[in-house]
Amino acid sequence: MQAARAVLELGIVVERRRGTTRWADWLWRPVEVVVGLPQTSEWRLLVEGEGWTRWLAGTLALELHRKETADYRLALSAEPPQLYVVLRASADDERPWQPFLVTASPFEAQIYAEPGDAIVEAVPMPEPVIAFVQDFVDRHHVDEPFYKRRRKAADAPPDAASEFVALAPGEQKW
């Protein structure tokens, strides 16, 4: 039996840019993921320019699960294919945001974006990661039938159950 999950370590690159409003001195956001780095939680300065710096902020594991392959197909279909990086607030004044999660599921990323206490950004998926995710999807994806609820008849008793009907591929859903 094939493994139901796969893991790939990715380096997280975070950019700090001078703020353009009076409410924020600095803006932080993830901008890139890098394949093939040794696992670390230490920050390392990569490059800097006038008003901005880019840091390798550590590594995180990209975990793929066989039940989420439909989500991964959506991320792969974006132009360019995307990963989603979540940064959470930290107590460190110099580095107020820490990498928390990297995922190929836009729906998992949305869960962290909704409360508003994290930074969630889509970053381009590098070619080796595209191959890794595509291979996982090819091995594990199973199309799920779409079930549409058929309304009960107008003369049906109030406690009668609705019917659910599986639609054939290509059949109109609505």
Protein backbone atom coordinates (compact mmCIF):
# COMPACT_ATOMS: atom_id res chain seq x y z
CA MET A 1 0.00 0.00 0.00
CA GLN A 2 1.22 3.50 -0.80
CA ALA A 3 1.91 6.00 1.95
CA ALA A 4 -1.16 8.11 2.76
CA ARG A 5 0.99 11.19 3.34
CA ALA A 6 4.22 12.73 2.07
CA VAL A 7 6.53 15.33 3.60
CA LEU A 8 8.97 17.79 2.02
CA GLU A 9 11.09 20.29 3.97
CA LEU A 10 11.00 23.85 2.57
CA GLY A 11 12.92 26.98 3.51
CA ILE A 12 10.68 30.01 4.08
CA VAL A 13 11.87 33.38 2.75
CA VAL A 14 10.31 36.40 4.47
CA GLU A 15 10.58 40.00 3.32
CA ARG A 16 10.58 43.06 5.55
CA ARG A 17 9.74 46.27 3.71
CA ARG A 18 9.47 49.80 5.07
CA GLY A 19 5.82 50.73 5.65
CA THR A 20 4.18 53.43 3.59
CA THR A 21 1.65 54.48 6.22
CA ARG A 22 2.00 56.04 9.63
CA TRP A 23 0.42 52.97 11.25
CA ALA A 24 3.14 50.48 10.34
CA ASP A 25 6.89 51.06 10.31
CA TRP A 26 7.55 47.70 8.65
CA LEU A 27 5.52 45.28 6.51
CA TRP A 28 6.34 41.59 6.72
CA ARG A 29 5.30 38.91 4.25
CA PRO A 30 6.46 35.53 2.98
CA VAL A 31 7.69 35.80 -0.60
CA GLU A 32 9.28 32.48 -1.53
CA VAL A 33 9.95 28.89 -0.55
CA VAL A 34 13.26 27.14 -1.21
CA VAL A 35 13.83 23.40 -1.67
CA GLY A 36 16.82 21.46 -0.39
CA LEU A 37 17.87 23.39 2.71
CA PRO A 38 18.83 21.69 5.95
CA GLN A 39 16.19 21.92 8.68
CA THR A 40 16.65 25.04 10.80
CA SER A 41 14.72 27.55 12.86
CA GLU A 42 17.47 30.20 12.76
CA TRP A 43 16.97 33.36 10.72
CA ARG A 44 19.63 34.21 8.14
CA LEU A 45 19.90 37.44 6.14
CA LEU A 46 19.82 36.67 2.41
CA VAL A 47 19.78 40.05 0.67
CA GLU A 48 18.95 43.66 1.42
CA GLY A 49 18.23 46.83 -0.47
CA GLU A 50 17.08 50.31 0.34
CA GLY A 51 14.07 49.96 2.63
CA TRP A 52 13.79 46.16 2.40
CA THR A 53 15.47 42.93 3.52
CA ARG A 54 14.87 39.26 2.78
CA TRP A 55 15.50 36.60 5.38
CA LEU A 56 15.58 32.85 5.37
CA ALA A 57 13.25 32.53 8.36
CA GLY A 58 13.65 28.78 8.92
CA THR A 59 12.26 25.60 7.44
CA LEU A 60 8.82 24.03 7.61
CA ALA A 61 7.49 20.68 6.49
CA LEU A 62 5.02 20.65 3.60
CA GLU A 63 2.73 17.74 4.47
CA LEU A 64 0.46 16.20 1.86
CA HIS A 65 -2.49 13.98 2.83
CA ARG A 66 -4.36 11.73 0.41
CA LYS A 67 -7.80 13.05 1.41
CA GLU A 68 -6.87 16.61 0.33
CA THR A 69 -5.78 15.90 -3.25
CA ALA A 70 -8.67 17.92 -4.71
CA ASP A 71 -7.32 20.96 -2.82
CA TYR A 72 -3.82 20.34 -4.19
CA ARG A 73 -5.19 20.10 -7.73
CA LEU A 74 -6.66 23.58 -7.25
CA ALA A 75 -3.28 24.96 -6.10
CA LEU A 76 -1.57 23.31 -9.08
CA SER A 77 -4.10 24.81 -11.50
CA ALA A 78 -3.30 28.39 -10.41
CA GLU A 79 -1.09 30.39 -12.74
CA PRO A 80 1.62 30.04 -11.47
CA PRO A 81 0.99 27.05 -9.14
CA GLN A 82 0.91 28.21 -5.52
CA LEU A 83 1.84 27.26 -2.01
CA TYR A 84 0.47 29.14 0.99
CA VAL A 85 2.64 30.31 3.89
CA VAL A 86 1.24 31.28 7.28
CA LEU A 87 3.18 33.58 9.64
CA ARG A 88 2.15 33.95 13.26
CA ALA A 89 3.01 36.78 15.63
CA SER A 90 5.94 36.31 17.99
CA ALA A 91 7.15 38.17 21.07
CA ASP A 92 10.48 39.06 19.39
CA ASP A 93 10.61 42.79 18.54
CA GLU A 94 13.23 42.31 15.80
CA ARG A 95 11.31 39.47 14.14
CA PRO A 96 7.65 39.94 15.07
CA TRP A 97 6.44 37.18 12.72
CA GLN A 98 7.48 33.52 12.67
CA PRO A 99 6.77 30.91 9.98
CA PHE A 100 4.05 28.60 11.24
CA LEU A 101 2.72 26.59 8.29
CA VAL A 102 3.29 25.90 4.61
CA THR A 103 0.50 24.15 2.72
CA ALA A 104 -0.59 23.33 -0.81
CA SER A 105 -4.26 23.58 0.22
CA PRO A 106 -5.90 26.97 -0.35
CA PHE A 107 -8.73 25.93 1.98
CA GLU A 108 -6.36 25.13 4.86
CA ALA A 109 -4.68 28.52 4.34
CA GLN A 110 -8.09 30.23 4.40
CA ILE A 111 -8.76 28.81 7.87
CA TYR A 112 -5.74 30.72 9.21
CA ALA A 113 -6.56 33.90 7.28
CA GLU A 114 -10.12 34.34 8.58
CA PRO A 115 -9.39 35.33 12.21
CA GLY A 116 -7.03 38.07 10.99
CA ASP A 117 -4.26 37.40 13.51
CA ALA A 118 -1.87 35.76 11.03
CA ILE A 119 -0.24 36.72 7.76
CA VAL A 120 -1.25 34.31 5.00
CA GLU A 121 0.28 34.73 1.53
CA ALA A 122 0.37 32.68 -1.64
CA VAL A 123 3.88 32.17 -3.01
CA PRO A 124 4.94 30.58 -6.30
CA MET A 125 5.46 26.83 -6.14
CA PRO A 126 9.00 25.93 -7.31
CA GLU A 127 9.37 23.31 -10.07
CA PRO A 128 10.62 20.51 -7.76
CA VAL A 129 7.63 21.09 -5.47
CA ILE A 130 5.23 21.07 -8.43
CA ALA A 131 6.62 17.66 -9.41
CA PHE A 132 6.37 16.41 -5.80
CA VAL A 133 2.75 17.55 -5.37
CA GLN A 134 1.68 16.41 -8.87
CA ASP A 135 3.17 12.94 -8.28
CA PHE A 136 1.30 12.68 -4.96
CA VAL A 137 -1.97 13.77 -6.58
CA ASP A 138 -1.50 11.32 -9.47
CA ARG A 139 -1.00 8.43 -7.03
CA HIS A 140 -3.79 9.26 -4.56
CA HIS A 141 -6.57 11.33 -6.17
CA VAL A 142 -10.01 9.75 -6.43
CA ASP A 143 -12.82 11.72 -8.04
CA GLU A 144 -15.76 12.08 -5.67
CA PRO A 145 -19.25 12.10 -7.19
CA PHE A 146 -21.28 15.26 -6.75
CA TYR A 147 -24.58 14.68 -4.98
CA LYS A 148 -27.40 17.08 -5.63
CA ARG A 149 -30.39 17.27 -3.32
CA ARG A 150 -33.67 16.67 -5.09
CA ARG A 151 -36.49 18.55 -3.40
CA LYS A 152 -39.26 16.56 -1.91
CA ALA A 153 -42.67 16.71 -3.55
CA ALA A 154 -45.02 19.52 -2.55
CA ASP A 155 -47.53 17.00 -1.23
CA ALA A 156 -44.92 15.04 0.80
CA PRO A 157 -45.32 14.94 4.59
CA PRO A 158 -43.28 17.62 6.43
CA ASP A 159 -40.97 15.04 8.01
CA ALA A 160 -40.18 13.26 4.72
CA ALA A 161 -36.48 13.17 3.81
CA SER A 162 -35.03 14.78 0.71
CA GLU A 163 -33.42 12.60 -1.93
CA PHE A 164 -29.78 12.90 -2.94
CA VAL A 165 -28.87 12.05 -6.51
CA ALA A 166 -25.35 11.47 -7.87
CA LEU A 167 -24.79 13.45 -11.05
CA ALA A 168 -22.90 11.91 -13.96
CA PRO A 169 -19.64 13.60 -15.02
CA GLY A 170 -20.43 16.57 -17.25
CA GLU A 171 -24.05 16.77 -16.09
CA GLN A 172 -25.13 20.24 -14.98
CA LYS A 173 -24.87 20.70 -11.20
CA TRP A 174 -27.33 23.52 -10.77
